[in-house]
Amino acid sequence: MNFALRIPDYYRSDIELLKGDISINQFIINAVAEKIATLKTLYLLEQRAKRGSRSHALRLLSNAPDIECEDRDGFDDGLKMLAVY
């Protein structure tokens, strides 16, 4: 399958910087594949969440001990900003 893409010039420097040693074509193919995988995963998680029960999940979590996590189980400084509380 072939497509003619018109990519705005303002993306060029980002693409050149991020693509590494691969072609722009391969970079775009990888980006499309990642987006498709993300959307499929989101859809599957949404479907699974619809089958879930908040009260059941909270009941399971109530069995977890109320202690601080070990260092190896926590977030490093680079990932703390990604934590959702």
Protein backbone atom coordinates (compact mmCIF):
# COMPACT_ATOMS: atom_id res chain seq x y z
CA MET A 1 0.00 0.00 0.00
CA ASN A 2 1.40 3.39 -0.92
CA PHE A 3 0.41 6.83 0.30
CA ALA A 4 1.67 10.25 -0.63
CA LEU A 5 2.15 12.12 2.63
CA ARG A 6 2.51 15.83 3.07
CA ILE A 7 4.31 16.35 6.33
CA PRO A 8 4.53 19.98 7.49
CA ASP A 9 8.03 21.43 7.38
CA TYR A 10 7.94 22.26 11.10
CA TYR A 11 8.10 18.50 11.88
CA ARG A 12 11.25 17.98 9.82
CA SER A 13 13.80 18.87 12.50
CA ASP A 14 12.03 16.73 15.11
CA ILE A 15 11.86 13.77 12.74
CA GLU A 16 15.51 14.12 11.76
CA LEU A 17 16.51 14.33 15.43
CA LEU A 18 14.40 11.41 16.62
CA LYS A 19 14.66 8.94 13.75
CA GLY A 20 18.20 7.88 14.51
CA ASP A 21 19.78 5.61 11.89
CA ILE A 22 16.53 4.61 10.19
CA SER A 23 14.85 6.17 7.19
CA ILE A 24 12.06 8.70 7.54
CA ASN A 25 9.78 6.14 5.89
CA GLN A 26 10.60 3.53 8.55
CA PHE A 27 10.23 6.13 11.30
CA ILE A 28 6.72 6.97 10.09
CA ILE A 29 5.79 3.28 9.74
CA ASN A 30 6.95 2.69 13.32
CA ALA A 31 4.98 5.71 14.54
CA VAL A 32 1.82 4.48 12.82
CA ALA A 33 2.31 0.96 14.24
CA GLU A 34 2.75 2.38 17.76
CA LYS A 35 -0.38 4.51 17.40
CA ILE A 36 -2.43 1.53 16.20
CA ALA A 37 -1.16 -0.61 19.09
CA THR A 38 -1.98 2.17 21.56
CA LEU A 39 -5.52 2.59 20.26
CA LYS A 40 -6.14 -1.17 20.27
CA THR A 41 -4.82 -1.43 23.83
CA LEU A 42 -6.98 1.47 24.97
CA TYR A 43 -10.04 -0.13 23.40
CA LEU A 44 -9.34 -3.49 25.08
CA LEU A 45 -8.74 -1.85 28.47
CA GLU A 46 -11.97 0.14 28.15
CA GLN A 47 -13.90 -3.05 27.34
CA ARG A 48 -12.33 -4.83 30.29
CA ALA A 49 -13.06 -1.90 32.62
CA LYS A 50 -16.74 -2.05 31.65
CA ARG A 51 -16.83 -5.62 32.93
CA GLY A 52 -15.12 -4.68 36.19
CA SER A 53 -16.53 -3.72 39.54
CA ARG A 54 -15.17 -0.78 41.53
CA SER A 55 -16.43 -2.25 44.81
CA HIS A 56 -14.75 -5.57 44.05
CA ALA A 57 -11.45 -3.85 43.23
CA LEU A 58 -11.59 -1.79 46.41
CA ARG A 59 -12.34 -4.92 48.43
CA LEU A 60 -9.23 -6.58 46.97
CA LEU A 61 -7.11 -3.51 47.68
CA SER A 62 -8.31 -3.39 51.27
CA ASN A 63 -6.43 -6.66 51.82
CA ALA A 64 -3.11 -5.07 50.86
CA PRO A 65 -0.87 -4.11 53.79
CA ASP A 66 -0.64 -0.39 54.59
CA ILE A 67 3.15 -0.09 54.45
CA GLU A 68 5.69 1.92 52.48
CA CYS A 69 6.96 0.21 49.35
CA GLU A 70 10.52 -1.06 49.17
CA ASP A 71 13.01 1.09 47.26
CA ARG A 72 13.07 -1.35 44.36
CA ASP A 73 9.28 -1.09 44.02
CA GLY A 74 9.08 2.70 44.00
CA PHE A 75 9.55 5.26 41.25
CA ASP A 76 12.92 6.67 40.39
CA ASP A 77 13.17 10.45 40.08
CA GLY A 78 12.67 10.34 36.32
CA LEU A 79 9.35 8.53 36.61
CA LYS A 80 7.81 10.33 39.59
CA MET A 81 6.17 12.84 37.29
CA LEU A 82 4.31 9.96 35.59
CA ALA A 83 2.81 8.61 38.81
CA VAL A 84 -0.93 9.01 39.09
CA TYR A 85 -2.34 9.23 42.59
